[in-house]
Protein backbone atom coordinates (compact mmCIF):
# COMPACT_ATOMS: atom_id res chain seq x y z
CA MET A 1 11.87 31.77 -42.07
CA SER A 2 10.71 28.86 -39.98
CA LEU A 3 12.76 27.82 -36.97
CA SER A 4 14.11 24.34 -36.34
CA HIS A 5 13.21 22.38 -33.23
CA ALA A 6 16.66 23.01 -31.80
CA GLN A 7 16.35 26.76 -32.41
CA VAL A 8 12.91 26.91 -30.77
CA GLN A 9 14.15 24.98 -27.75
CA ALA A 10 17.16 27.27 -27.39
CA GLN A 11 14.93 30.34 -27.70
CA ILE A 12 12.41 29.43 -25.01
CA THR A 13 14.78 27.72 -22.55
CA GLY A 14 17.54 30.33 -22.54
CA PRO A 15 18.70 32.46 -19.59
CA GLY A 16 15.93 34.64 -18.15
CA GLN A 17 13.17 32.77 -19.95
CA LEU A 18 10.25 31.16 -18.09
CA PHE A 19 11.41 27.75 -19.28
CA GLU A 20 15.06 28.29 -18.41
CA VAL A 21 16.83 25.01 -17.74
CA GLU A 22 19.56 24.21 -15.21
CA GLU A 23 21.34 21.05 -14.11
CA ILE A 24 20.71 19.44 -10.71
CA GLY A 25 24.21 19.35 -9.20
CA ASP A 26 26.44 17.09 -11.26
CA THR A 27 23.77 14.46 -11.89
CA GLY A 28 23.39 15.23 -15.58
CA VAL A 29 19.66 15.70 -14.97
CA ARG A 30 18.21 19.02 -16.14
CA THR A 31 15.34 20.79 -14.42
CA TRP A 32 13.03 23.75 -15.00
CA LYS A 33 14.78 26.49 -13.04
CA HIS A 34 11.64 28.51 -12.30
CA ALA A 35 9.33 25.62 -11.39
CA PRO A 36 7.75 25.62 -7.92
CA ALA A 37 10.18 23.92 -5.52
CA HIS A 38 7.36 22.05 -3.78
CA PHE A 39 3.59 21.92 -3.60
CA ARG A 40 3.23 24.58 -0.90
CA ALA A 41 4.96 27.04 -3.24
CA LEU A 42 2.56 26.09 -6.04
CA LEU A 43 -0.44 26.46 -3.73
CA GLU A 44 0.67 29.88 -2.52
CA MET A 45 1.32 30.98 -6.11
CA SER A 46 -2.19 29.89 -7.09
CA ARG A 47 -3.69 32.26 -4.55
CA PHE A 48 -2.56 35.21 -6.69
CA HIS A 49 -5.24 34.20 -9.21
CA GLY A 50 -7.74 35.31 -6.56
CA ASP A 51 -11.36 35.44 -7.68
CA LYS A 52 -10.83 33.65 -10.99
CA VAL A 53 -12.89 30.48 -11.17
CA PHE A 54 -10.62 27.51 -10.54
CA LEU A 55 -12.96 24.52 -10.27
CA VAL A 56 -16.36 23.87 -11.84
CA TYR A 57 -18.49 20.89 -10.92
CA GLU A 58 -22.07 20.87 -12.19
CA ASP A 59 -23.50 24.13 -10.79
CA GLU A 60 -20.71 24.66 -8.25
CA HIS A 61 -17.91 27.16 -8.86
CA LEU A 62 -14.82 27.46 -6.65
CA THR A 63 -12.35 30.33 -7.05
CA PHE A 64 -8.62 30.06 -6.46
CA GLU A 65 -9.04 32.00 -3.20
CA ASP A 66 -11.87 29.70 -2.07
CA HIS A 67 -9.68 26.69 -2.78
CA PHE A 68 -6.67 28.08 -0.93
CA ARG A 69 -8.70 28.91 2.18
CA ARG A 70 -10.34 25.49 2.30
CA ALA A 71 -7.11 23.62 1.63
CA ALA A 72 -5.20 25.61 4.25
CA THR A 73 -8.01 25.13 6.78
CA LEU A 74 -8.21 21.39 6.20
CA ALA A 75 -4.41 21.11 6.37
CA GLY A 76 -4.55 22.71 9.81
CA ARG A 77 -7.28 20.32 10.93
CA LEU A 78 -5.25 17.31 9.75
CA VAL A 79 -2.26 18.50 11.79
CA GLU A 80 -4.16 19.61 14.91
CA GLU A 81 -6.95 17.03 15.14
CA TYR A 82 -5.48 13.98 13.43
CA GLY A 83 -1.83 14.38 14.36
CA VAL A 84 -0.64 14.33 10.76
CA ARG A 85 3.07 15.02 10.51
CA LYS A 86 5.54 15.39 7.68
CA GLY A 87 5.84 12.10 5.81
CA ASP A 88 2.57 10.60 7.08
CA ARG A 89 0.26 9.28 4.39
CA VAL A 90 -3.20 10.73 3.78
CA ALA A 91 -5.33 8.73 1.33
CA VAL A 92 -8.04 10.23 -0.89
CA ALA A 93 -10.69 7.98 -2.44
CA MET A 94 -13.48 9.69 -4.35
CA ARG A 95 -14.82 10.74 -7.71
CA ASN A 96 -13.73 14.00 -9.34
CA TYR A 97 -15.37 16.24 -6.78
CA PRO A 98 -14.00 19.65 -5.69
CA GLU A 99 -13.33 18.00 -2.32
CA TRP A 100 -10.81 15.70 -4.01
CA VAL A 101 -8.74 18.73 -5.00
CA VAL A 102 -9.10 20.36 -1.57
CA SER A 103 -8.13 17.13 0.20
CA PHE A 104 -5.12 16.50 -2.05
CA SER A 105 -3.92 20.08 -1.57
CA ALA A 106 -4.47 19.96 2.18
CA ALA A 107 -2.54 16.73 2.64
CA LEU A 108 0.46 18.07 0.72
CA ALA A 109 0.32 21.46 2.42
CA ALA A 110 0.46 19.67 5.78
CA GLY A 111 3.66 17.95 4.70
CA ALA A 112 1.97 14.57 4.31
CA ILE A 113 2.32 12.21 1.36
CA ALA A 114 -0.93 12.30 -0.61
CA VAL A 115 -2.17 8.86 -1.67
CA PRO A 116 -4.89 9.07 -4.36
CA LEU A 117 -6.63 5.70 -4.36
CA ASN A 118 -8.31 4.30 -7.45
CA ALA A 119 -12.01 5.06 -6.97
CA TRP A 120 -12.87 2.14 -9.27
CA TRP A 121 -11.26 -0.36 -6.92
CA THR A 122 -13.21 -3.00 -5.01
CA GLU A 123 -13.29 -3.13 -1.22
CA ALA A 124 -10.37 -5.58 -1.18
CA GLU A 125 -8.32 -3.44 -3.57
CA LEU A 126 -8.99 -0.27 -1.57
CA ALA A 127 -7.99 -2.10 1.60
CA TYR A 128 -4.76 -3.13 -0.15
CA GLY A 129 -3.96 0.50 -1.01
CA VAL A 130 -4.65 1.65 2.55
CA ARG A 131 -2.59 -1.18 4.05
CA ASP A 132 0.28 -0.90 1.57
CA SER A 133 0.62 2.87 1.97
CA GLY A 134 0.11 2.84 5.73
CA ALA A 135 -2.38 5.69 5.49
CA LYS A 136 -2.96 7.62 8.72
CA VAL A 137 -6.19 9.28 7.56
CA LEU A 138 -8.70 8.49 4.80
CA ILE A 139 -10.81 11.10 3.01
CA ALA A 140 -13.55 9.54 0.88
CA ASP A 141 -16.90 10.17 -0.74
CA GLY A 142 -20.04 8.37 0.37
CA GLU A 143 -19.78 5.76 -2.39
CA ARG A 144 -16.43 4.56 -1.10
CA ALA A 145 -16.90 5.22 2.63
CA GLU A 146 -18.64 1.91 3.31
CA ARG A 147 -15.87 0.03 1.51
CA LEU A 148 -13.24 1.78 3.62
CA ALA A 149 -14.94 1.67 7.02
CA SER A 150 -13.49 -1.76 7.85
CA THR A 151 -9.87 -0.57 7.50
CA GLY A 152 -9.88 0.90 11.01
CA VAL A 153 -8.21 4.10 9.75
CA PRO A 154 -9.82 7.46 10.75
CA LEU A 155 -12.28 8.32 8.00
CA ILE A 156 -13.56 11.68 6.75
CA VAL A 157 -16.58 11.49 4.42
CA THR A 158 -18.00 13.93 1.88
CA ARG A 159 -21.09 13.77 -0.34
CA GLY A 160 -22.72 10.86 1.40
CA GLU A 161 -23.51 9.22 4.71
CA ALA A 162 -20.65 8.85 7.17
CA PRO A 163 -20.41 5.32 8.66
CA GLU A 164 -20.30 4.95 12.43
CA GLY A 165 -17.08 6.40 13.80
CA ALA A 166 -16.40 8.52 10.71
CA ARG A 167 -16.72 12.31 10.53
CA ARG A 168 -18.35 14.46 7.89
CA PHE A 169 -16.00 16.53 5.72
CA GLU A 170 -17.95 19.71 6.47
CA ASP A 171 -17.69 19.15 10.23
CA VAL A 172 -13.94 18.59 10.08
CA LEU A 173 -13.45 21.65 7.91
CA GLY A 174 -15.57 23.87 10.15
CA GLU A 175 -15.28 27.63 9.78
CA VAL A 176 -13.14 28.85 6.90
CA VAL A 177 -11.66 32.31 7.52
CA ALA A 178 -9.99 34.74 5.14
CA ASP A 179 -6.70 35.06 7.04
CA VAL A 180 -6.04 31.34 7.38
CA LYS A 181 -2.37 30.33 7.33
CA LEU A 182 -0.75 27.13 6.13
CA PRO A 183 0.64 24.84 8.85
CA ASP A 184 4.29 25.47 9.66
CA VAL A 185 6.10 22.74 7.69
CA GLU A 186 9.46 22.89 5.93
CA LEU A 187 9.54 21.16 2.54
CA SER A 188 12.30 20.60 0.00
CA PRO A 189 12.18 19.37 -3.62
CA GLU A 190 13.58 15.98 -2.56
CA ASP A 191 10.84 15.28 -0.01
CA PRO A 192 8.31 12.56 -0.97
CA ALA A 193 4.94 14.01 -1.99
CA THR A 194 2.65 11.44 -3.62
CA ILE A 195 1.97 7.74 -3.96
CA PHE A 196 0.04 6.94 -7.13
CA TYR A 197 -0.69 3.29 -7.69
CA THR A 198 0.24 1.87 -11.07
CA SER A 199 -2.65 0.74 -13.22
CA GLY A 200 -1.99 -2.91 -12.55
CA THR A 201 -2.53 -4.22 -16.07
CA THR A 202 -0.30 -7.09 -14.91
CA GLY A 203 0.11 -8.18 -11.29
CA SER A 204 -0.58 -6.15 -8.15
CA PRO A 205 -0.41 -2.35 -8.32
CA LYS A 206 2.82 -0.76 -7.11
CA GLY A 207 2.89 2.54 -5.27
CA ALA A 208 4.83 5.05 -7.38
CA LEU A 209 6.55 7.39 -4.92
CA GLY A 210 6.82 10.90 -6.36
CA SER A 211 8.76 13.83 -4.93
CA HIS A 212 7.85 17.47 -4.54
CA ARG A 213 10.33 18.16 -7.35
CA ASN A 214 8.40 15.78 -9.62
CA LEU A 215 5.15 17.53 -8.73
CA GLY A 216 6.52 21.06 -9.19
CA GLN A 217 8.04 20.22 -12.56
CA SER A 218 4.82 18.76 -14.01
CA PRO A 219 2.96 21.99 -14.87
CA MET A 220 6.10 23.42 -16.45
CA THR A 221 6.47 20.38 -18.69
CA VAL A 222 2.87 20.62 -19.93
CA SER A 223 3.13 24.39 -20.44
CA TYR A 224 6.41 23.96 -22.31
CA GLY A 225 4.66 21.63 -24.76
CA PHE A 226 2.06 24.30 -25.54
CA MET A 227 4.75 26.95 -25.87
CA ARG A 228 6.94 24.82 -28.15
CA ALA A 229 4.03 24.06 -30.49
CA ALA A 230 2.98 27.73 -30.58
CA THR A 231 6.51 28.96 -31.29
CA MET A 232 7.06 26.33 -34.00
CA SER A 233 3.90 27.58 -35.73
CA GLY A 234 5.21 31.15 -35.76
CA LYS A 235 2.99 32.52 -33.00
CA ASP A 236 4.19 35.05 -30.43
CA PRO A 237 5.15 33.02 -27.32
CA ALA A 238 4.07 35.82 -24.96
CA ALA A 239 0.64 36.04 -26.59
CA ALA A 240 0.24 32.27 -26.47
CA ALA A 241 1.15 32.21 -22.77
CA SER A 242 -1.41 34.92 -21.92
CA VAL A 243 -4.43 32.95 -23.18
CA ARG A 244 -6.45 31.57 -20.24
CA ARG A 245 -7.36 27.93 -20.75
CA VAL A 246 -10.59 26.42 -19.47
CA THR A 247 -10.01 22.68 -19.43
CA LEU A 248 -12.53 19.87 -19.43
CA LEU A 249 -11.05 16.97 -17.48
CA THR A 250 -12.41 13.68 -18.79
CA VAL A 251 -10.24 11.28 -16.76
CA PRO A 252 -10.01 10.63 -13.01
CA LEU A 253 -7.88 12.86 -10.79
CA PHE A 254 -6.42 9.72 -9.20
CA HIS A 255 -4.71 9.07 -12.54
CA VAL A 256 -1.53 11.05 -13.24
CA THR A 257 -2.96 12.51 -16.46
CA GLY A 258 -5.82 14.04 -14.51
CA CYS A 259 -3.73 15.22 -11.60
CA PHE A 260 -0.58 16.47 -13.27
CA SER A 261 -1.58 17.32 -16.84
CA GLY A 262 -4.89 18.76 -15.65
CA LEU A 263 -4.93 19.86 -12.02
CA THR A 264 -1.41 21.14 -11.24
CA THR A 265 -1.11 22.76 -14.67
CA THR A 266 -4.36 24.66 -14.07
CA MET A 267 -3.18 25.77 -10.62
CA PHE A 268 0.07 27.01 -12.13
CA SER A 269 -1.45 28.81 -15.13
CA GLY A 270 -4.54 30.33 -13.51
CA GLY A 271 -6.91 28.56 -15.86
CA GLY A 272 -10.18 26.82 -15.07
CA LEU A 273 -10.78 23.10 -14.57
CA VAL A 274 -14.21 21.63 -15.27
CA LEU A 275 -14.88 18.30 -13.55
CA MET A 276 -17.34 15.56 -14.51
CA TYR A 277 -19.10 13.00 -12.30
CA LYS A 278 -18.03 10.43 -14.87
CA TRP A 279 -17.14 10.49 -18.54
CA ASP A 280 -20.21 10.95 -20.71
CA PRO A 281 -19.79 12.28 -24.27
CA GLU A 282 -23.19 14.02 -24.35
CA GLN A 283 -22.53 15.73 -21.02
CA ALA A 284 -19.11 16.74 -22.35
CA LEU A 285 -20.73 18.37 -25.38
CA ARG A 286 -23.09 20.31 -23.09
CA LEU A 287 -20.22 21.44 -20.84
CA ILE A 288 -18.07 22.59 -23.76
CA GLU A 289 -20.92 24.84 -24.89
CA ARG A 290 -21.97 26.05 -21.40
CA GLU A 291 -18.53 26.66 -19.87
CA LYS A 292 -16.81 27.80 -23.08
CA ILE A 293 -14.26 25.01 -22.76
CA SER A 294 -11.06 25.72 -24.68
CA THR A 295 -9.11 22.52 -23.96
CA MET A 296 -10.11 18.91 -23.42
CA ILE A 297 -7.68 16.57 -21.68
CA GLY A 298 -8.12 12.82 -21.59
CA VAL A 299 -7.37 9.63 -23.45
CA PRO A 300 -7.86 9.01 -27.19
CA THR A 301 -11.15 7.19 -26.51
CA ASN A 302 -12.67 10.42 -25.14
CA ALA A 303 -12.01 12.38 -28.32
CA TRP A 304 -13.20 9.46 -30.45
CA GLN A 305 -16.49 9.07 -28.53
CA LEU A 306 -17.12 12.81 -28.49
CA MET A 307 -17.09 12.93 -32.28
CA SER A 308 -19.05 9.68 -32.60
CA HIS A 309 -21.98 10.94 -30.53
CA PRO A 310 -25.17 11.34 -32.62
CA ASP A 311 -25.72 14.86 -31.18
CA PHE A 312 -22.18 16.02 -31.96
CA GLY A 313 -23.37 18.60 -34.49
CA LYS A 314 -26.06 20.11 -32.24
CA TYR A 315 -23.74 21.97 -29.86
CA ASP A 316 -21.64 25.11 -30.18
CA LEU A 317 -18.06 23.87 -29.88
CA SER A 318 -16.41 27.01 -31.25
CA SER A 319 -14.60 27.68 -27.95
CA LEU A 320 -12.80 24.33 -28.13
CA THR A 321 -9.37 25.08 -29.61
CA ALA A 322 -7.23 22.22 -28.29
CA LEU A 323 -7.59 18.51 -27.60
CA GLY A 324 -4.84 16.78 -25.65
CA TYR A 325 -4.71 13.06 -25.11
CA GLY A 326 -2.32 10.39 -23.90
CA GLY A 327 -2.23 7.43 -21.56
CA ALA A 328 -3.04 4.99 -24.36
CA PRO A 329 -2.03 4.60 -28.03
CA ALA A 330 -3.68 7.10 -30.37
CA PRO A 331 -4.35 5.63 -33.83
CA PRO A 332 -3.44 8.00 -36.70
CA LYS A 333 -7.08 7.73 -37.83
CA LEU A 334 -8.06 9.80 -34.78
CA LEU A 335 -6.14 12.83 -36.05
CA GLU A 336 -7.85 12.43 -39.41
CA ARG A 337 -11.28 12.40 -37.73
CA ILE A 338 -10.46 15.47 -35.62
CA THR A 339 -9.22 17.34 -38.70
CA GLU A 340 -12.47 16.47 -40.49
CA ASN A 341 -14.94 17.06 -37.63
CA LEU A 342 -13.15 19.81 -35.68
CA PRO A 343 -11.10 21.73 -38.25
CA ASN A 344 -8.60 24.41 -37.23
CA ARG A 345 -8.17 22.91 -33.78
CA ALA A 346 -4.85 21.99 -32.15
CA PRO A 347 -4.86 18.32 -31.24
CA SER A 348 -1.82 16.95 -29.41
CA ASN A 349 -0.67 13.50 -28.46
CA GLY A 350 1.46 12.87 -25.40
CA TYR A 351 3.32 10.06 -23.71
CA GLY A 352 3.83 9.61 -20.03
CA MET A 353 3.51 7.11 -17.22
CA THR A 354 2.76 7.06 -13.54
CA GLU A 355 6.53 6.80 -13.16
CA THR A 356 7.16 10.00 -15.19
CA THR A 357 4.64 12.19 -13.34
CA ALA A 358 2.51 12.21 -16.51
CA LEU A 359 3.79 14.00 -19.62
CA ALA A 360 7.36 13.34 -20.79
CA ILE A 361 7.13 13.34 -24.60
CA GLY A 362 4.69 15.32 -26.74
CA ASN A 363 3.56 15.84 -30.32
CA GLY A 364 1.49 18.85 -31.33
CA GLY A 365 0.85 21.44 -34.01
CA ALA A 366 2.39 20.93 -37.43
CA ASP A 367 4.59 18.11 -36.09
CA TYR A 368 1.54 16.04 -35.24
CA GLN A 369 0.06 16.63 -38.66
CA ALA A 370 3.33 15.56 -40.29
CA LYS A 371 3.94 12.56 -38.04
CA PRO A 372 0.59 11.39 -36.65
CA ASP A 373 1.95 7.97 -35.70
CA SER A 374 4.65 9.48 -33.46
CA ILE A 375 4.33 10.50 -29.81
CA GLY A 376 6.68 13.38 -30.60
CA LEU A 377 9.79 14.85 -29.06
CA PRO A 378 10.90 14.70 -25.44
CA SER A 379 10.49 17.69 -23.18
CA ALA A 380 13.60 19.91 -22.93
CA VAL A 381 14.41 18.42 -19.51
CA VAL A 382 13.92 14.77 -20.51
CA ASP A 383 16.65 12.53 -21.92
CA LEU A 384 15.72 9.32 -23.69
CA ARG A 385 17.31 6.36 -25.38
CA VAL A 386 16.27 3.02 -26.84
CA VAL A 387 18.20 -0.05 -25.64
CA ASP A 388 18.48 -3.72 -26.49
CA PRO A 389 17.86 -6.51 -23.92
CA MET A 390 21.47 -6.15 -22.70
CA GLY A 391 21.01 -2.42 -22.06
CA HIS A 392 23.08 -1.23 -25.03
CA GLU A 393 21.83 1.90 -26.77
CA LEU A 394 20.45 1.29 -30.26
CA PRO A 395 20.83 3.57 -33.30
CA PRO A 396 17.89 5.49 -34.84
CA GLY A 397 15.26 3.33 -36.48
CA GLU A 398 15.88 0.20 -34.43
CA VAL A 399 13.24 -1.11 -32.01
CA GLY A 400 14.14 -1.58 -28.36
CA GLU A 401 13.02 -0.65 -24.86
CA LEU A 402 12.42 3.05 -24.25
CA CYS A 403 14.35 4.48 -21.28
CA LEU A 404 13.87 7.96 -19.80
CA ARG A 405 15.75 10.27 -17.44
CA GLY A 406 14.62 13.61 -16.05
CA PRO A 407 13.33 15.60 -13.05
CA ASN A 408 9.90 14.11 -13.63
CA VAL A 409 11.00 10.52 -13.01
CA ILE A 410 9.77 9.31 -9.62
CA MET A 411 11.87 8.23 -6.65
CA GLY A 412 10.91 4.55 -6.95
CA TYR A 413 8.22 2.18 -5.70
CA TRP A 414 6.91 2.46 -2.16
CA ASN A 415 8.42 -0.28 0.02
CA LYS A 416 9.42 -2.34 -3.02
CA PRO A 417 13.22 -2.16 -3.32
CA GLU A 418 13.49 -5.12 -5.72
CA ALA A 419 10.93 -3.72 -8.15
CA THR A 420 12.61 -0.32 -7.88
CA ALA A 421 16.02 -1.80 -8.70
CA GLN A 422 14.62 -3.62 -11.74
CA THR A 423 12.88 -0.56 -13.21
CA PHE A 424 15.24 2.28 -12.27
CA VAL A 425 18.75 1.40 -13.43
CA GLY A 426 21.65 3.83 -13.24
CA GLY A 427 19.34 6.82 -13.07
CA TRP A 428 17.27 5.65 -16.06
CA LEU A 429 13.65 4.54 -16.00
CA HIS A 430 13.06 1.39 -18.04
CA THR A 431 9.52 1.90 -19.31
CA GLY A 432 8.73 -1.59 -20.64
CA ASP A 433 7.57 0.05 -23.89
CA LEU A 434 9.05 -0.93 -27.22
CA ALA A 435 9.95 2.12 -29.28
CA LYS A 436 12.11 3.51 -32.04
CA ILE A 437 13.50 6.99 -32.65
CA ASP A 438 13.81 8.50 -36.11
CA ASP A 439 16.67 10.67 -37.42
CA GLU A 440 14.91 13.85 -36.22
CA GLY A 441 14.48 12.55 -32.68
CA PHE A 442 10.76 11.75 -32.94
CA VAL A 443 9.68 8.76 -30.87
CA TYR A 444 7.36 5.98 -32.04
CA ILE A 445 5.84 3.58 -29.55
CA VAL A 446 5.68 0.19 -31.19
CA ASP A 447 4.10 -1.81 -28.37
CA ARG A 448 4.22 -2.82 -24.75
CA ALA A 449 6.98 -5.39 -24.46
CA LYS A 450 4.71 -7.73 -22.52
CA ASP A 451 1.78 -7.31 -24.93
CA MET A 452 3.68 -8.07 -28.09
CA VAL A 453 2.44 -11.12 -30.00
CA ILE A 454 5.21 -13.45 -31.21
CA ARG A 455 3.89 -15.53 -34.11
CA GLY A 456 6.27 -18.20 -35.32
CA GLY A 457 9.24 -16.10 -34.25
CA GLU A 458 7.89 -12.95 -35.92
CA ASN A 459 7.16 -9.95 -33.70
CA VAL A 460 3.65 -8.57 -34.21
CA TYR A 461 3.25 -5.15 -32.64
CA CYS A 462 -0.33 -4.87 -31.42
CA ALA A 463 -0.44 -1.09 -31.74
CA GLU A 464 0.33 -1.33 -35.48
CA VAL A 465 -2.50 -3.82 -36.07
CA GLU A 466 -4.92 -1.78 -33.95
CA ALA A 467 -4.07 1.37 -35.90
CA ALA A 468 -4.85 -0.46 -39.15
CA LEU A 469 -8.17 -1.72 -37.74
CA PHE A 470 -9.18 1.83 -36.78
CA GLU A 471 -8.89 2.80 -40.44
CA HIS A 472 -12.09 0.84 -41.12
CA PRO A 473 -15.14 3.14 -40.74
CA ALA A 474 -17.18 0.41 -39.02
CA VAL A 475 -14.64 -0.04 -36.19
CA ASP A 476 -15.36 2.00 -33.08
CA ASP A 477 -12.85 0.29 -30.78
CA ALA A 478 -10.28 -2.47 -31.12
CA ALA A 479 -7.83 -4.52 -29.09
CA VAL A 480 -5.31 -7.03 -30.41
CA ILE A 481 -4.27 -10.00 -28.26
CA GLY A 482 -2.17 -13.13 -28.65
CA VAL A 483 -4.01 -16.43 -29.01
CA PRO A 484 -2.05 -19.58 -28.03
CA HIS A 485 -1.18 -21.90 -30.94
CA GLU A 486 0.59 -25.25 -30.71
CA GLU A 487 2.79 -24.81 -33.76
CA LEU A 488 3.27 -21.03 -34.03
CA GLY A 489 3.30 -20.24 -30.33
CA GLU A 490 0.75 -17.47 -30.82
CA GLU A 491 -1.66 -16.23 -33.45
CA VAL A 492 -3.10 -12.74 -33.77
CA GLY A 493 -6.59 -12.14 -32.39
CA ALA A 494 -8.70 -8.97 -32.41
CA VAL A 495 -11.65 -7.89 -30.29
CA ILE A 496 -13.79 -5.38 -32.17
CA ARG A 497 -16.56 -3.08 -31.08
CA PRO A 498 -18.48 -1.93 -34.20
CA ALA A 499 -19.45 1.71 -34.55
CA PRO A 500 -23.07 2.57 -33.64
CA GLY A 501 -25.39 1.32 -36.37
CA ALA A 502 -22.57 -0.36 -38.29
CA SER A 503 -22.13 -4.02 -39.07
CA ILE A 504 -18.94 -5.84 -39.99
CA THR A 505 -17.81 -9.43 -40.38
CA ALA A 506 -14.45 -11.01 -39.63
CA GLU A 507 -13.94 -11.79 -43.32
CA GLU A 508 -14.63 -8.17 -44.31
CA LEU A 509 -12.07 -6.98 -41.76
CA ARG A 510 -9.43 -9.42 -42.95
CA SER A 511 -10.06 -8.39 -46.55
CA PHE A 512 -9.77 -4.73 -45.56
CA LEU A 513 -6.41 -5.33 -43.85
CA THR A 514 -4.94 -7.25 -46.77
CA GLY A 515 -2.30 -5.04 -48.32
CA ARG A 516 -2.35 -2.63 -45.39
CA ILE A 517 -0.29 -4.80 -43.07
CA ALA A 518 1.74 -7.97 -43.59
CA LYS A 519 -0.28 -11.14 -43.94
CA PHE A 520 1.09 -12.71 -40.75
CA LYS A 521 -0.15 -9.68 -38.78
CA ILE A 522 -3.77 -9.97 -39.94
CA PRO A 523 -5.98 -11.34 -37.12
CA VAL A 524 -6.85 -15.00 -37.54
CA HIS A 525 -9.40 -14.76 -34.74
CA VAL A 526 -11.94 -11.92 -34.55
CA TRP A 527 -14.51 -11.39 -31.80
CA LEU A 528 -17.26 -8.80 -32.20
CA ARG A 529 -18.87 -7.30 -29.11
CA GLU A 530 -21.45 -4.61 -28.46
CA GLY A 531 -20.25 -3.43 -25.06
CA GLU A 532 -17.25 -1.23 -24.35
CA LEU A 533 -13.85 -2.85 -24.10
CA PRO A 534 -12.58 -3.04 -20.51
CA ARG A 535 -10.22 -0.20 -19.67
CA ASN A 536 -8.37 0.96 -16.60
CA PRO A 537 -8.85 4.58 -15.43
CA GLY A 538 -5.87 5.65 -17.54
CA GLY A 539 -7.60 4.54 -20.73
CA LYS A 540 -5.46 1.46 -21.37
CA ILE A 541 -7.36 -1.60 -22.50
CA LEU A 542 -7.16 -4.37 -19.92
CA LYS A 543 -5.97 -7.12 -22.21
CA THR A 544 -5.53 -9.52 -19.31
CA HIS A 545 -9.29 -9.19 -18.71
CA LEU A 546 -10.04 -9.75 -22.39
CA ARG A 547 -7.86 -12.85 -22.53
CA ARG A 548 -9.51 -14.24 -19.43
CA GLU A 549 -12.98 -13.44 -20.76
CA ILE A 550 -12.42 -14.78 -24.27
CA LEU A 551 -9.74 -17.42 -23.89
CA GLY A 552 -10.12 -18.36 -20.25
CA THR A 553 -6.41 -17.68 -19.65
């Protein structure tokens, strides 16, 4: 007899279970009882995995013990040589190198607030992040060192030339000994831990201030999603938990998906994390075969491009059992393609934000097959509701703004009390996403409130139109935008990237969509382009860039 979702949740979150839940005081917020209280606890736990390979980058392999010793050593250097104290900010700006992980771990172990800066940023944007966070020390790779040298903040440089006045990472680290101890710092779950800058699809990025509780809860939330899907499918939870995952990380560590769904989860579980210099589908295929990758974490575009590569069928991908993606809308067509090209795998779709420390809602296993257009059910410690513009909760099936509450919701925005007050209201995070919830509690993201096209008073949800466009075999990528119109206010426009070797016309697309979506939702304007659509590191299409490029607005 199959179990219901409520029965599965009760079974794996009950007293004595790994995913046991308890309330934080009388706040109404539930938390994972057995989660690490802070990052130092997580780091010390990870050391028990010893000589298991933790990080892989090209031909380099770092064990959990190697990582602990380096992180603890660097933490000591930050305290002793740079005067870093609890609450100081240490910024990290580099590609997905092993040194990123060591630097992040060292900063947190020293009691500092780790500030991962967007490695794609320009010199001015990096300077903004340094200035806004008030970083005391910068740790960067050679590519970013020159852009950061003018900030005047002490700079540590790895994998490249150190500008005048900066020090090489290896020289700062010095001798790494086996009996190294972590600096003596007291941490609590409520202490601030991280500042991740929002993607900035509109306006200037805001520093999302996360706590050690947020950080410690993140690997439990991801692991719970795997456990829930396994239990729902009738598998033995203990057996599912014992499988060691080797994860290919296809997104940057400075994005919460990379850091919290990938890095901290791997530290917690004792799995392996394979890093890439940058996303490249052919390199990903090689790594899956070489490193026996079992899980790939990224955004929907990564899975789509992996299967679209002309050499897809030339590699042994038998080890790959799971594909997890989030950070951007996943068209239902993607699940269909995975089922066809990678049968008997376990794809999963997740929803999270910088403000929710990555994953908050997930859809996997049979649920995903049954409801491919849903982002799934909330984690057992996450409450959610959909509200109207006045903040009143709406019944199932009605579209409104999605609001979340849980131990994963951040403390607020760094030095931005007004923005914090607008977004975090009465303990609830207002996401800015339009959503609806069905009678079974499954959540459907309809659109970003600010990206919705309003045509003659009719709401056109871009995600719905994009999903319909992805159904066409000649469409490799798509973005829907609003085009100003004197009479209607806006018309629907679509930017299309054809699949390799395919050709398509605007008229063919419109004909294809007829009958699939309402006539007023069919794009009046269609632009075809060969190059990739502009995306931020989290995988979201930068529609402001597209509008500026195409419409000049």
